[in-house]
């Protein structure tokens, strides 16, 4: 199998972490591509008509796309139980919250990258960051207990989202409003799967 990916993407990182945590890295070749919202790589478009990464090319079926689909597939393939049935709705909700944080943070980058300074919308950027800040606050206030215990996809998603904030938005101090989450993230970031997939390496 082949994973079409770009190391800076937090959605890609989530899949790459799952590959390592489930011992499947040897079964998947990571293929770096250069694709953007305005210039999609033809290989990516062939796998995913929206032109988004990650996309997983399988030997025995159609390509899979959207990080949540790919991670669920990899989890089932390995029997890794990253989606524990006993807590499935909480885990899925936490994963969705992490993905929403990633989406807002990525949109902020695109807003700055694809607009002239005169065309930038400060209100749009502020609105996207508000989504991130509210999500961080909610995790700190309500979800910390769900970040404990055996490894699951919600933990991986939150860690990849926070890592992307540090990578692309280092001037915005999310830790100031979430000291307990900051401690958790520091410890989780020491996992080999997180170290090996850190953006910017």
N, C-alpha and C. Protein backbone atom coordinates (compact mmCIF):
# COMPACT_ATOMS: atom_id res chain seq x y z
N UNK A 1 0.84 -1.19 0.00
CA UNK A 1 0.00 0.00 0.00
C UNK A 1 0.88 1.24 0.00
N UNK A 2 0.28 2.34 -0.46
CA UNK A 2 1.00 3.61 -0.48
C UNK A 2 0.14 4.69 0.17
N UNK A 3 0.79 5.51 0.99
CA UNK A 3 0.12 6.64 1.62
C UNK A 3 0.60 7.92 0.95
N UNK A 4 -0.31 8.60 0.25
CA UNK A 4 0.01 9.91 -0.32
C UNK A 4 -0.09 10.93 0.80
N UNK A 5 0.99 11.65 1.01
CA UNK A 5 1.06 12.45 2.23
C UNK A 5 1.99 13.65 2.07
N UNK A 6 1.84 14.58 3.02
CA UNK A 6 2.78 15.68 3.19
C UNK A 6 3.03 15.79 4.69
N UNK A 7 4.28 15.75 5.13
CA UNK A 7 4.58 15.67 6.56
C UNK A 7 4.01 16.80 7.40
N UNK A 8 3.78 17.97 6.80
CA UNK A 8 3.30 19.10 7.58
C UNK A 8 1.82 19.00 7.93
N UNK A 9 1.07 18.19 7.21
CA UNK A 9 -0.37 18.09 7.44
C UNK A 9 -0.68 17.38 8.75
N UNK A 10 -1.51 17.97 9.61
CA UNK A 10 -1.87 17.29 10.86
C UNK A 10 -2.75 16.06 10.61
N UNK A 11 -3.54 16.10 9.54
CA UNK A 11 -4.37 14.94 9.20
C UNK A 11 -3.49 13.78 8.74
N UNK A 12 -2.48 14.09 7.97
CA UNK A 12 -1.51 13.07 7.56
C UNK A 12 -0.77 12.53 8.78
N UNK A 13 -0.38 13.43 9.66
CA UNK A 13 0.38 12.99 10.84
C UNK A 13 -0.42 11.99 11.66
N UNK A 14 -1.72 12.22 11.77
CA UNK A 14 -2.56 11.29 12.53
C UNK A 14 -2.46 9.88 11.95
N UNK A 15 -2.51 9.79 10.63
CA UNK A 15 -2.40 8.48 9.99
C UNK A 15 -1.00 7.90 10.20
N UNK A 16 0.01 8.72 10.07
CA UNK A 16 1.38 8.24 10.24
C UNK A 16 1.64 7.75 11.66
N UNK A 17 1.06 8.42 12.63
CA UNK A 17 1.18 7.96 14.02
C UNK A 17 0.50 6.61 14.19
N UNK A 18 -0.69 6.45 13.62
CA UNK A 18 -1.40 5.18 13.71
C UNK A 18 -0.59 4.06 13.06
N UNK A 19 0.00 4.33 11.90
CA UNK A 19 0.84 3.32 11.25
C UNK A 19 1.93 2.82 12.18
N UNK A 20 2.55 3.72 12.89
CA UNK A 20 3.64 3.35 13.78
C UNK A 20 3.14 2.68 15.05
N UNK A 21 2.06 3.19 15.61
CA UNK A 21 1.53 2.62 16.84
C UNK A 21 0.95 1.22 16.63
N UNK A 22 0.52 0.92 15.42
CA UNK A 22 -0.08 -0.39 15.15
C UNK A 22 0.87 -1.35 14.44
N UNK A 23 2.13 -0.94 14.26
CA UNK A 23 3.12 -1.82 13.68
C UNK A 23 2.93 -2.11 12.21
N UNK A 24 2.34 -1.17 11.46
CA UNK A 24 2.05 -1.41 10.05
C UNK A 24 2.91 -0.59 9.10
N UNK A 25 3.91 0.08 9.62
CA UNK A 25 4.73 0.94 8.76
C UNK A 25 5.39 0.14 7.65
N UNK A 26 5.74 -1.10 7.92
CA UNK A 26 6.38 -1.92 6.90
C UNK A 26 5.47 -2.31 5.75
N UNK A 27 4.15 -2.18 5.95
CA UNK A 27 3.19 -2.56 4.91
C UNK A 27 2.76 -1.37 4.06
N UNK A 28 3.22 -0.18 4.41
CA UNK A 28 2.77 1.03 3.72
C UNK A 28 3.98 1.88 3.36
N UNK A 29 4.07 2.28 2.10
CA UNK A 29 5.11 3.20 1.67
C UNK A 29 4.56 4.62 1.73
N UNK A 30 5.26 5.48 2.45
CA UNK A 30 4.83 6.88 2.56
C UNK A 30 5.39 7.65 1.37
N UNK A 31 4.49 8.20 0.56
CA UNK A 31 4.89 8.92 -0.66
C UNK A 31 4.57 10.40 -0.48
N UNK A 32 5.61 11.21 -0.37
CA UNK A 32 5.41 12.64 -0.20
C UNK A 32 4.96 13.28 -1.51
N UNK A 33 3.93 14.10 -1.44
CA UNK A 33 3.42 14.81 -2.61
C UNK A 33 3.32 16.29 -2.28
N UNK A 34 3.28 17.09 -3.32
CA UNK A 34 3.09 18.53 -3.17
C UNK A 34 1.73 18.88 -3.76
N UNK A 35 0.78 19.17 -2.90
CA UNK A 35 -0.56 19.47 -3.37
C UNK A 35 -1.14 20.60 -2.54
N UNK A 36 -1.89 21.47 -3.16
CA UNK A 36 -2.48 22.62 -2.47
C UNK A 36 -3.93 22.77 -2.92
N UNK A 37 -4.70 23.61 -2.24
CA UNK A 37 -6.09 23.82 -2.64
C UNK A 37 -6.24 24.43 -4.04
N UNK A 38 -5.17 25.05 -4.54
CA UNK A 38 -5.26 25.69 -5.86
C UNK A 38 -4.43 24.96 -6.91
N UNK A 39 -3.67 23.95 -6.51
CA UNK A 39 -2.85 23.18 -7.46
C UNK A 39 -2.73 21.76 -6.94
N UNK A 40 -3.74 20.95 -7.24
CA UNK A 40 -3.78 19.59 -6.74
C UNK A 40 -2.85 18.68 -7.53
N UNK A 41 -2.13 17.83 -6.81
CA UNK A 41 -1.27 16.84 -7.45
C UNK A 41 -2.14 15.84 -8.19
N UNK A 42 -1.82 15.53 -9.46
CA UNK A 42 -2.64 14.58 -10.24
C UNK A 42 -2.78 13.22 -9.57
N UNK A 43 -1.74 12.75 -8.89
CA UNK A 43 -1.81 11.46 -8.22
C UNK A 43 -2.82 11.49 -7.08
N UNK A 44 -2.88 12.62 -6.40
CA UNK A 44 -3.84 12.77 -5.30
C UNK A 44 -5.26 12.82 -5.86
N UNK A 45 -5.45 13.58 -6.92
CA UNK A 45 -6.78 13.70 -7.53
C UNK A 45 -7.27 12.34 -8.03
N UNK A 46 -6.35 11.53 -8.55
CA UNK A 46 -6.73 10.21 -9.02
C UNK A 46 -7.22 9.33 -7.88
N UNK A 47 -6.70 9.57 -6.69
CA UNK A 47 -7.12 8.79 -5.52
C UNK A 47 -8.30 9.40 -4.80
N UNK A 48 -8.35 10.73 -4.77
CA UNK A 48 -9.39 11.47 -4.06
C UNK A 48 -9.80 12.65 -4.92
N UNK A 49 -11.01 12.65 -5.47
CA UNK A 49 -11.41 13.73 -6.38
C UNK A 49 -11.38 15.12 -5.77
N UNK A 50 -11.41 15.21 -4.44
CA UNK A 50 -11.32 16.53 -3.81
C UNK A 50 -9.88 17.05 -3.78
N UNK A 51 -8.92 16.17 -4.10
CA UNK A 51 -7.53 16.60 -4.12
C UNK A 51 -6.89 16.73 -2.75
N UNK A 52 -7.53 16.17 -1.72
CA UNK A 52 -7.01 16.31 -0.37
C UNK A 52 -6.21 15.09 0.05
N UNK A 53 -5.26 15.32 0.95
CA UNK A 53 -4.49 14.25 1.56
C UNK A 53 -4.88 14.17 3.04
N UNK A 54 -4.66 12.98 3.62
CA UNK A 54 -4.01 11.79 3.09
C UNK A 54 -4.94 10.95 2.23
N UNK A 55 -4.33 10.12 1.40
CA UNK A 55 -5.05 9.12 0.62
C UNK A 55 -4.24 7.83 0.68
N UNK A 56 -4.93 6.73 0.90
CA UNK A 56 -4.27 5.44 1.02
C UNK A 56 -4.60 4.59 -0.20
N UNK A 57 -3.57 4.28 -0.97
CA UNK A 57 -3.73 3.43 -2.15
C UNK A 57 -3.57 1.98 -1.73
N UNK A 58 -4.62 1.20 -1.94
CA UNK A 58 -4.59 -0.21 -1.55
C UNK A 58 -4.33 -1.09 -2.77
N UNK A 59 -3.79 -2.26 -2.52
CA UNK A 59 -3.52 -3.22 -3.59
C UNK A 59 -4.76 -4.01 -3.98
N UNK A 60 -5.74 -4.07 -3.07
CA UNK A 60 -6.88 -4.95 -3.29
C UNK A 60 -8.22 -4.23 -3.21
N UNK A 61 -8.22 -2.92 -3.48
CA UNK A 61 -9.47 -2.19 -3.42
C UNK A 61 -9.25 -0.74 -3.78
N UNK A 62 -10.34 0.04 -3.87
CA UNK A 62 -10.20 1.45 -4.20
C UNK A 62 -9.46 2.22 -3.12
N UNK A 63 -8.91 3.35 -3.50
CA UNK A 63 -8.20 4.20 -2.56
C UNK A 63 -9.14 4.67 -1.45
N UNK A 64 -8.58 4.81 -0.27
CA UNK A 64 -9.32 5.35 0.86
C UNK A 64 -8.85 6.77 1.13
N UNK A 65 -9.78 7.65 1.45
CA UNK A 65 -9.38 9.00 1.80
C UNK A 65 -10.22 9.53 2.95
N UNK A 66 -9.75 10.62 3.52
CA UNK A 66 -10.18 11.22 4.78
C UNK A 66 -9.46 10.46 5.90
N UNK A 67 -8.78 11.23 6.74
CA UNK A 67 -7.94 10.60 7.75
C UNK A 67 -8.74 9.68 8.66
N UNK A 68 -10.00 10.03 8.96
CA UNK A 68 -10.79 9.19 9.87
C UNK A 68 -11.12 7.84 9.24
N UNK A 69 -11.32 7.83 7.94
CA UNK A 69 -11.57 6.56 7.26
C UNK A 69 -10.31 5.71 7.26
N UNK A 70 -9.18 6.33 6.96
CA UNK A 70 -7.92 5.59 6.88
C UNK A 70 -7.52 5.04 8.24
N UNK A 71 -7.63 5.85 9.28
CA UNK A 71 -7.23 5.36 10.61
C UNK A 71 -8.16 4.25 11.08
N UNK A 72 -9.43 4.34 10.74
CA UNK A 72 -10.36 3.26 11.12
C UNK A 72 -10.01 1.97 10.38
N UNK A 73 -9.65 2.10 9.11
CA UNK A 73 -9.24 0.94 8.32
C UNK A 73 -7.98 0.30 8.89
N UNK A 74 -6.99 1.13 9.20
CA UNK A 74 -5.73 0.61 9.74
C UNK A 74 -5.93 -0.04 11.10
N UNK A 75 -6.78 0.54 11.89
CA UNK A 75 -7.08 -0.03 13.20
C UNK A 75 -7.72 -1.41 13.06
N UNK A 76 -8.71 -1.50 12.16
CA UNK A 76 -9.38 -2.79 11.94
C UNK A 76 -8.41 -3.83 11.38
N UNK A 77 -7.54 -3.37 10.49
CA UNK A 77 -6.57 -4.29 9.86
C UNK A 77 -5.62 -4.88 10.89
N UNK A 78 -5.24 -4.07 11.88
CA UNK A 78 -4.27 -4.52 12.88
C UNK A 78 -4.94 -5.07 14.14
N UNK A 79 -6.24 -4.87 14.28
CA UNK A 79 -6.91 -5.27 15.51
C UNK A 79 -6.36 -4.52 16.71
N UNK A 80 -6.08 -3.24 16.53
CA UNK A 80 -5.37 -2.47 17.55
C UNK A 80 -6.27 -1.87 18.63
N UNK A 81 -7.56 -1.83 18.39
CA UNK A 81 -8.53 -1.31 19.38
C UNK A 81 -8.31 0.16 19.71
N UNK A 82 -7.96 0.93 18.71
CA UNK A 82 -7.88 2.39 18.90
C UNK A 82 -9.27 3.01 18.94
N UNK A 83 -10.28 2.23 18.58
CA UNK A 83 -11.68 2.65 18.65
C UNK A 83 -12.41 1.70 19.61
N UNK A 84 -12.18 1.82 20.91
CA UNK A 84 -12.74 0.87 21.88
C UNK A 84 -14.27 0.97 21.96
N UNK A 85 -14.93 -0.14 21.79
CA UNK A 85 -16.40 -0.15 21.78
C UNK A 85 -16.99 0.36 23.09
N UNK A 86 -16.32 0.10 24.20
CA UNK A 86 -16.86 0.50 25.50
C UNK A 86 -16.98 2.02 25.63
N UNK A 87 -16.14 2.75 24.88
CA UNK A 87 -16.17 4.22 24.96
C UNK A 87 -16.27 4.83 23.56
N UNK A 88 -16.87 4.12 22.63
CA UNK A 88 -16.79 4.51 21.23
C UNK A 88 -17.33 5.91 20.96
N UNK A 89 -18.44 6.30 21.57
CA UNK A 89 -19.03 7.60 21.23
C UNK A 89 -18.19 8.75 21.77
N UNK A 90 -17.62 8.56 22.96
CA UNK A 90 -16.75 9.59 23.50
C UNK A 90 -15.46 9.71 22.67
N UNK A 91 -14.91 8.56 22.30
CA UNK A 91 -13.67 8.56 21.51
C UNK A 91 -13.90 9.20 20.14
N UNK A 92 -15.00 8.85 19.49
CA UNK A 92 -15.30 9.43 18.18
C UNK A 92 -15.55 10.93 18.28
N UNK A 93 -16.21 11.36 19.34
CA UNK A 93 -16.46 12.79 19.52
C UNK A 93 -15.15 13.54 19.75
N UNK A 94 -14.27 12.96 20.55
CA UNK A 94 -12.97 13.60 20.79
C UNK A 94 -12.15 13.66 19.51
N UNK A 95 -12.22 12.61 18.70
CA UNK A 95 -11.52 12.62 17.42
C UNK A 95 -12.09 13.71 16.51
N UNK A 96 -13.42 13.83 16.48
CA UNK A 96 -14.06 14.86 15.66
C UNK A 96 -13.67 16.26 16.13
N UNK A 97 -13.58 16.46 17.42
CA UNK A 97 -13.17 17.76 17.96
C UNK A 97 -11.74 18.08 17.54
N UNK A 98 -10.87 17.08 17.63
CA UNK A 98 -9.47 17.29 17.21
C UNK A 98 -9.40 17.63 15.73
N UNK A 99 -10.16 16.93 14.91
CA UNK A 99 -10.16 17.20 13.47
C UNK A 99 -10.67 18.60 13.18
N UNK A 100 -11.66 19.05 13.93
CA UNK A 100 -12.19 20.41 13.73
C UNK A 100 -11.14 21.45 14.10
N UNK A 101 -10.36 21.18 15.13
CA UNK A 101 -9.26 22.08 15.49
C UNK A 101 -8.25 22.14 14.36
N UNK A 102 -7.89 20.98 13.82
CA UNK A 102 -6.94 20.94 12.71
C UNK A 102 -7.47 21.73 11.52
N UNK A 103 -8.72 21.51 11.19
CA UNK A 103 -9.31 22.17 10.04
C UNK A 103 -9.25 23.69 10.18
N UNK A 104 -9.63 24.20 11.35
CA UNK A 104 -9.60 25.65 11.58
C UNK A 104 -8.18 26.19 11.51
N UNK A 105 -7.24 25.46 12.10
CA UNK A 105 -5.85 25.91 12.10
C UNK A 105 -5.25 25.90 10.70
N UNK A 106 -5.60 24.90 9.90
CA UNK A 106 -5.12 24.83 8.51
C UNK A 106 -5.72 25.95 7.68
N UNK A 107 -7.00 26.23 7.87
CA UNK A 107 -7.67 27.31 7.14
C UNK A 107 -6.99 28.65 7.42
N UNK A 108 -6.56 28.85 8.64
CA UNK A 108 -5.84 30.09 8.97
C UNK A 108 -4.57 30.22 8.15
N UNK A 109 -3.87 29.12 7.99
CA UNK A 109 -2.64 29.14 7.19
C UNK A 109 -2.96 29.47 5.74
N UNK A 110 -3.99 28.83 5.20
CA UNK A 110 -4.36 29.08 3.81
C UNK A 110 -4.82 30.52 3.59
N UNK A 111 -5.51 31.06 4.56
CA UNK A 111 -5.98 32.45 4.43
C UNK A 111 -4.79 33.39 4.25
N UNK A 112 -3.73 33.16 5.02
CA UNK A 112 -2.56 34.02 4.91
C UNK A 112 -1.74 33.71 3.66
N UNK A 113 -1.74 32.45 3.24
CA UNK A 113 -0.89 32.04 2.13
C UNK A 113 -1.46 32.43 0.77
N UNK A 114 -2.76 32.42 0.64
CA UNK A 114 -3.37 32.60 -0.68
C UNK A 114 -4.12 33.92 -0.84
N UNK A 115 -3.89 34.85 0.07
CA UNK A 115 -4.45 36.19 -0.08
C UNK A 115 -3.33 37.22 0.02
N UNK A 116 -3.50 38.30 -0.68
CA UNK A 116 -2.58 39.42 -0.52
C UNK A 116 -2.83 40.05 0.84
N UNK A 117 -1.87 40.79 1.36
CA UNK A 117 -2.09 41.46 2.65
C UNK A 117 -3.38 42.28 2.67
N UNK A 118 -3.68 42.90 1.51
CA UNK A 118 -4.89 43.73 1.45
C UNK A 118 -6.16 42.88 1.47
N UNK A 119 -6.03 41.64 1.02
CA UNK A 119 -7.21 40.79 0.95
C UNK A 119 -7.44 39.92 2.17
N UNK A 120 -6.52 39.96 3.12
CA UNK A 120 -6.67 39.15 4.32
C UNK A 120 -7.87 39.60 5.13
N UNK A 121 -8.59 38.66 5.66
CA UNK A 121 -9.73 38.96 6.53
C UNK A 121 -9.35 38.67 7.98
N UNK A 122 -9.11 39.72 8.73
CA UNK A 122 -8.77 39.55 10.14
C UNK A 122 -9.91 38.91 10.91
N UNK A 123 -11.14 39.26 10.53
CA UNK A 123 -12.30 38.67 11.21
C UNK A 123 -12.38 37.17 10.95
N UNK A 124 -12.08 36.75 9.71
CA UNK A 124 -12.11 35.33 9.37
C UNK A 124 -11.06 34.57 10.17
N UNK A 125 -9.84 35.11 10.21
CA UNK A 125 -8.77 34.46 10.96
C UNK A 125 -9.12 34.39 12.44
N UNK A 126 -9.66 35.47 12.97
CA UNK A 126 -10.04 35.48 14.39
C UNK A 126 -11.13 34.47 14.67
N UNK A 127 -12.06 34.35 13.74
CA UNK A 127 -13.14 33.38 13.92
C UNK A 127 -12.64 31.95 13.93
N UNK A 128 -11.65 31.66 13.08
CA UNK A 128 -11.07 30.32 13.05
C UNK A 128 -10.32 30.03 14.34
N UNK A 129 -9.57 31.04 14.81
CA UNK A 129 -8.83 30.81 16.05
C UNK A 129 -9.79 30.65 17.23
N UNK A 130 -10.91 31.34 17.21
CA UNK A 130 -11.90 31.18 18.28
C UNK A 130 -12.36 29.73 18.37
N UNK A 131 -12.51 29.08 17.22
CA UNK A 131 -12.90 27.66 17.22
C UNK A 131 -11.84 26.82 17.93
N UNK A 132 -10.58 27.11 17.63
CA UNK A 132 -9.49 26.38 18.25
C UNK A 132 -9.46 26.65 19.75
N UNK A 133 -9.52 27.91 20.13
CA UNK A 133 -9.43 28.27 21.55
C UNK A 133 -10.57 27.67 22.35
N UNK A 134 -11.78 27.70 21.79
CA UNK A 134 -12.92 27.10 22.49
C UNK A 134 -12.73 25.60 22.66
N UNK A 135 -12.18 24.96 21.62
CA UNK A 135 -11.96 23.52 21.68
C UNK A 135 -10.92 23.17 22.74
N UNK A 136 -9.84 23.93 22.79
CA UNK A 136 -8.81 23.70 23.80
C UNK A 136 -9.40 23.86 25.19
N UNK A 137 -10.21 24.89 25.38
CA UNK A 137 -10.82 25.14 26.68
C UNK A 137 -11.76 24.00 27.09
N UNK A 138 -12.52 23.49 26.13
CA UNK A 138 -13.45 22.40 26.43
C UNK A 138 -12.70 21.12 26.79
N UNK A 139 -11.62 20.84 26.08
CA UNK A 139 -10.83 19.66 26.41
C UNK A 139 -10.28 19.79 27.83
N UNK A 140 -9.76 20.96 28.15
CA UNK A 140 -9.21 21.20 29.49
C UNK A 140 -10.28 21.05 30.57
N UNK A 141 -11.47 21.54 30.29
CA UNK A 141 -12.53 21.56 31.31
C UNK A 141 -13.31 20.24 31.42
N UNK A 142 -13.48 19.53 30.29
CA UNK A 142 -14.40 18.40 30.29
C UNK A 142 -13.83 17.06 29.82
N UNK A 143 -12.71 17.09 29.11
CA UNK A 143 -12.29 15.89 28.41
C UNK A 143 -10.98 15.29 28.89
N UNK A 144 -10.35 15.87 29.90
CA UNK A 144 -9.04 15.38 30.31
C UNK A 144 -9.10 13.92 30.76
N UNK A 145 -10.17 13.53 31.42
CA UNK A 145 -10.29 12.15 31.87
C UNK A 145 -10.31 11.18 30.70
N UNK A 146 -10.80 11.65 29.56
CA UNK A 146 -10.88 10.79 28.37
C UNK A 146 -9.54 10.69 27.65
N UNK A 147 -8.58 11.51 28.05
CA UNK A 147 -7.24 11.42 27.47
C UNK A 147 -6.35 10.46 28.26
N UNK A 148 -6.88 9.90 29.33
CA UNK A 148 -6.14 8.94 30.14
C UNK A 148 -6.43 7.53 29.66
N UNK A 149 -5.66 6.59 30.17
CA UNK A 149 -5.93 5.18 29.88
C UNK A 149 -5.24 4.70 28.62
N UNK A 150 -5.65 3.50 28.17
CA UNK A 150 -5.02 2.89 26.98
C UNK A 150 -5.14 3.80 25.76
N UNK A 151 -4.18 3.66 24.85
CA UNK A 151 -4.13 4.49 23.65
C UNK A 151 -5.38 4.34 22.81
N UNK A 152 -5.93 5.48 22.36
CA UNK A 152 -7.06 5.46 21.43
C UNK A 152 -6.93 6.63 20.46
N UNK A 153 -7.77 6.62 19.44
CA UNK A 153 -7.64 7.60 18.35
C UNK A 153 -7.92 9.03 18.81
N UNK A 154 -8.73 9.20 19.84
CA UNK A 154 -8.98 10.54 20.33
C UNK A 154 -7.71 11.18 20.87
N UNK A 155 -6.92 10.41 21.59
CA UNK A 155 -5.66 10.91 22.10
C UNK A 155 -4.73 11.30 20.96
N UNK A 156 -4.63 10.43 19.98
CA UNK A 156 -3.75 10.70 18.83
C UNK A 156 -4.20 11.96 18.09
N UNK A 157 -5.50 12.09 17.88
CA UNK A 157 -6.02 13.25 17.18
C UNK A 157 -5.73 14.55 17.91
N UNK A 158 -5.99 14.57 19.21
CA UNK A 158 -5.73 15.78 20.00
C UNK A 158 -4.25 16.13 19.98
N UNK A 159 -3.39 15.14 20.12
CA UNK A 159 -1.95 15.40 20.12
C UNK A 159 -1.49 15.97 18.78
N UNK A 160 -2.02 15.43 17.68
CA UNK A 160 -1.63 15.94 16.36
C UNK A 160 -2.16 17.35 16.13
N UNK A 161 -3.34 17.64 16.65
CA UNK A 161 -3.89 18.98 16.53
C UNK A 161 -3.03 19.98 17.30
N UNK A 162 -2.68 19.64 18.52
CA UNK A 162 -1.85 20.55 19.33
C UNK A 162 -0.47 20.70 18.73
N UNK A 163 0.07 19.62 18.18
CA UNK A 163 1.37 19.72 17.53
C UNK A 163 1.34 20.67 16.35
N UNK A 164 0.23 20.67 15.62
CA UNK A 164 0.11 21.57 14.48
C UNK A 164 0.02 23.02 14.94
N UNK A 165 -0.65 23.26 16.06
CA UNK A 165 -0.71 24.62 16.59
C UNK A 165 0.69 25.12 16.91
N UNK A 166 1.50 24.26 17.51
CA UNK A 166 2.87 24.66 17.82
C UNK A 166 3.68 24.90 16.55
N UNK A 167 3.42 24.11 15.52
CA UNK A 167 4.18 24.19 14.28
C UNK A 167 3.82 25.43 13.46
N UNK A 168 2.54 25.68 13.28
CA UNK A 168 2.10 26.75 12.40
C UNK A 168 1.67 28.03 13.12
N UNK A 169 1.32 27.93 14.38
CA UNK A 169 0.83 29.10 15.12
C UNK A 169 1.55 29.24 16.46
N UNK A 170 2.88 29.25 16.44
CA UNK A 170 3.63 29.27 17.70
C UNK A 170 3.43 30.55 18.52
N UNK A 171 2.98 31.62 17.87
CA UNK A 171 2.79 32.88 18.58
C UNK A 171 1.48 32.91 19.37
N UNK A 172 0.64 31.92 19.18
CA UNK A 172 -0.64 31.86 19.90
C UNK A 172 -0.50 30.84 21.03
N UNK A 173 -0.52 31.31 22.25
CA UNK A 173 -0.19 30.48 23.40
C UNK A 173 -1.41 29.72 23.92
N UNK A 174 -1.69 28.56 23.32
CA UNK A 174 -2.83 27.77 23.77
C UNK A 174 -2.61 27.21 25.17
N UNK A 175 -1.36 27.05 25.57
CA UNK A 175 -1.06 26.47 26.87
C UNK A 175 -1.50 27.36 28.03
N UNK A 176 -1.59 28.66 27.80
CA UNK A 176 -1.97 29.59 28.87
C UNK A 176 -3.35 29.27 29.43
N UNK A 177 -4.24 28.77 28.60
CA UNK A 177 -5.60 28.48 29.06
C UNK A 177 -5.80 27.00 29.36
N UNK A 178 -4.77 26.20 29.18
CA UNK A 178 -4.93 24.75 29.36
C UNK A 178 -3.67 24.13 29.96
N UNK A 179 -3.33 24.46 31.19
CA UNK A 179 -2.09 23.93 31.78
C UNK A 179 -2.09 22.41 31.95
N UNK A 180 -3.25 21.83 32.28
CA UNK A 180 -3.30 20.37 32.44
C UNK A 180 -3.14 19.67 31.09
N UNK A 181 -3.76 20.22 30.08
CA UNK A 181 -3.62 19.68 28.73
C UNK A 181 -2.17 19.81 28.25
N UNK A 182 -1.52 20.91 28.61
CA UNK A 182 -0.13 21.12 28.21
C UNK A 182 0.78 20.04 28.81
N UNK A 183 0.53 19.69 30.06
CA UNK A 183 1.33 18.64 30.71
C UNK A 183 1.10 17.30 30.01
N UNK A 184 -0.18 17.01 29.72
CA UNK A 184 -0.50 15.76 29.02
C UNK A 184 0.19 15.71 27.66
N UNK A 185 0.13 16.82 26.92
CA UNK A 185 0.70 16.86 25.58
C UNK A 185 2.22 16.68 25.62
N UNK A 186 2.86 17.28 26.60
CA UNK A 186 4.32 17.14 26.71
C UNK A 186 4.70 15.68 26.88
N UNK A 187 3.95 14.96 27.70
CA UNK A 187 4.24 13.54 27.92
C UNK A 187 3.91 12.71 26.68
N UNK A 188 2.77 12.97 26.07
CA UNK A 188 2.36 12.20 24.89
C UNK A 188 3.31 12.43 23.73
N UNK A 189 3.86 13.61 23.64
CA UNK A 189 4.76 13.95 22.53
C UNK A 189 6.07 13.19 22.58
N UNK A 190 6.35 12.54 23.70
CA UNK A 190 7.58 11.77 23.82
C UNK A 190 7.45 10.37 23.24
N UNK A 191 6.22 9.97 22.86
CA UNK A 191 6.06 8.66 22.23
C UNK A 191 6.87 8.63 20.94
N UNK A 192 7.55 7.53 20.65
CA UNK A 192 8.34 7.45 19.42
C UNK A 192 7.55 7.79 18.16
N UNK A 193 6.28 7.39 18.12
CA UNK A 193 5.46 7.69 16.93
C UNK A 193 5.27 9.18 16.73
N UNK A 194 5.22 9.92 17.82
CA UNK A 194 5.07 11.37 17.72
C UNK A 194 6.40 12.04 17.37
N UNK A 195 7.46 11.54 17.96
CA UNK A 195 8.80 12.10 17.68
C UNK A 195 9.15 11.91 16.20
N UNK A 196 8.88 10.72 15.68
CA UNK A 196 9.25 10.39 14.29
C UNK A 196 8.41 11.15 13.26
N UNK A 197 7.25 11.63 13.65
CA UNK A 197 6.37 12.31 12.69
C UNK A 197 6.26 13.80 12.95
N UNK A 198 7.10 14.33 13.80
CA UNK A 198 7.03 15.76 14.12
C UNK A 198 7.26 16.59 12.87
N UNK A 199 6.34 17.52 12.56
CA UNK A 199 6.51 18.33 11.34
C UNK A 199 7.74 19.22 11.44
N UNK A 200 8.37 19.41 10.31
CA UNK A 200 9.55 20.25 10.28
C UNK A 200 10.85 19.48 10.41
N UNK A 201 10.76 18.17 10.66
CA UNK A 201 11.99 17.37 10.79
C UNK A 201 12.62 17.15 9.42
